[in-house]
Amino acid sequence: MTDKSAGSNVTGLRASKPCVMCEKPSVRAFHPFCSKHCADLDLGKWLNGSYAIPVVEEDGAQLADYDPDIDE
């Protein structure tokens, strides 16, 4: 028989950071969030496209001069 509470008193090496969604203290089980609710809110933002990496469009002049048949 194993004692499930034995690992509950283990202290992390790093200081706890606040939840990235609501700023409450984060919980190890849902790191870097404080709860499953905040983790699900973050996942929803990823899935609906709220988070995106900005892209810099190049101007068309450089692309107009491009010839794929010429090896540089």
Protein backbone atom coordinates (compact mmCIF):
# COMPACT_ATOMS: atom_id res chain seq x y z
CA MET A 1 0.00 0.00 0.00
CA THR A 2 1.43 3.41 -0.98
CA ASP A 3 0.92 6.68 0.79
CA LYS A 4 -0.39 9.23 -1.73
CA SER A 5 0.17 12.14 0.64
CA ALA A 6 3.94 11.55 0.80
CA GLY A 7 4.64 13.74 -2.26
CA SER A 8 2.33 16.55 -1.18
CA ASN A 9 4.95 18.17 1.05
CA VAL A 10 7.61 18.42 -1.67
CA THR A 11 8.71 22.01 -2.30
CA GLY A 12 9.64 23.15 -5.81
CA LEU A 13 13.02 24.69 -6.53
CA ARG A 14 11.56 27.77 -8.17
CA ALA A 15 9.27 30.35 -6.66
CA SER A 16 5.67 30.01 -7.76
CA LYS A 17 4.58 32.46 -10.45
CA PRO A 18 1.06 33.85 -10.76
CA CYS A 19 -1.49 32.30 -13.10
CA VAL A 20 -1.05 33.69 -16.60
CA MET A 21 -4.81 34.15 -16.98
CA CYS A 22 -6.02 35.61 -13.67
CA GLU A 23 -2.85 36.41 -11.64
CA LYS A 24 -3.82 34.10 -8.73
CA PRO A 25 -1.02 31.85 -7.41
CA SER A 26 -0.39 28.98 -9.83
CA VAL A 27 -0.92 25.37 -8.77
CA ARG A 28 1.57 22.60 -9.59
CA ALA A 29 -1.14 20.33 -11.04
CA PHE A 30 -2.20 23.00 -13.60
CA HIS A 31 1.09 24.91 -14.02
CA PRO A 32 1.31 27.69 -15.19
CA PHE A 33 -2.36 28.12 -14.31
CA CYS A 34 -4.24 28.21 -11.00
CA SER A 35 -7.03 25.86 -12.07
CA LYS A 36 -8.43 23.72 -14.86
CA HIS A 37 -10.80 26.57 -15.66
CA CYS A 38 -7.94 28.97 -16.46
CA ALA A 39 -6.12 26.26 -18.43
CA ASP A 40 -9.28 25.67 -20.49
CA LEU A 41 -9.70 29.42 -21.10
CA ASP A 42 -6.15 29.57 -22.46
CA LEU A 43 -6.74 26.51 -24.66
CA GLY A 44 -9.88 28.17 -26.02
CA LYS A 45 -7.87 31.24 -27.02
CA TRP A 46 -5.42 29.03 -28.93
CA LEU A 47 -8.20 27.11 -30.65
CA ASN A 48 -10.20 30.16 -31.78
CA GLY A 49 -7.11 31.96 -33.12
CA SER A 50 -6.81 34.72 -30.51
CA TYR A 51 -3.12 33.94 -30.16
CA ALA A 52 -1.15 34.37 -33.37
CA ILE A 53 2.43 35.02 -34.38
CA PRO A 54 2.65 38.33 -36.25
CA VAL A 55 3.86 38.04 -39.85
CA VAL A 56 5.61 40.81 -41.75
CA GLU A 57 4.51 40.81 -45.38
CA GLU A 58 7.21 41.53 -47.93
CA ASP A 59 6.43 44.08 -50.61
CA GLY A 60 5.45 42.76 -54.05
CA ALA A 61 8.44 44.37 -55.84
CA GLN A 62 10.89 41.83 -54.48
CA LEU A 63 8.58 38.93 -55.32
CA ALA A 64 7.90 40.21 -58.87
CA ASP A 65 11.62 39.90 -59.71
CA TYR A 66 11.80 36.31 -58.50
CA ASP A 67 12.36 33.66 -61.19
CA PRO A 68 12.24 30.08 -59.83
CA ASP A 69 14.06 28.75 -62.95
CA ILE A 70 17.26 30.67 -62.16
CA ASP A 71 19.65 29.01 -59.71
CA GLU A 72 21.59 31.46 -57.59
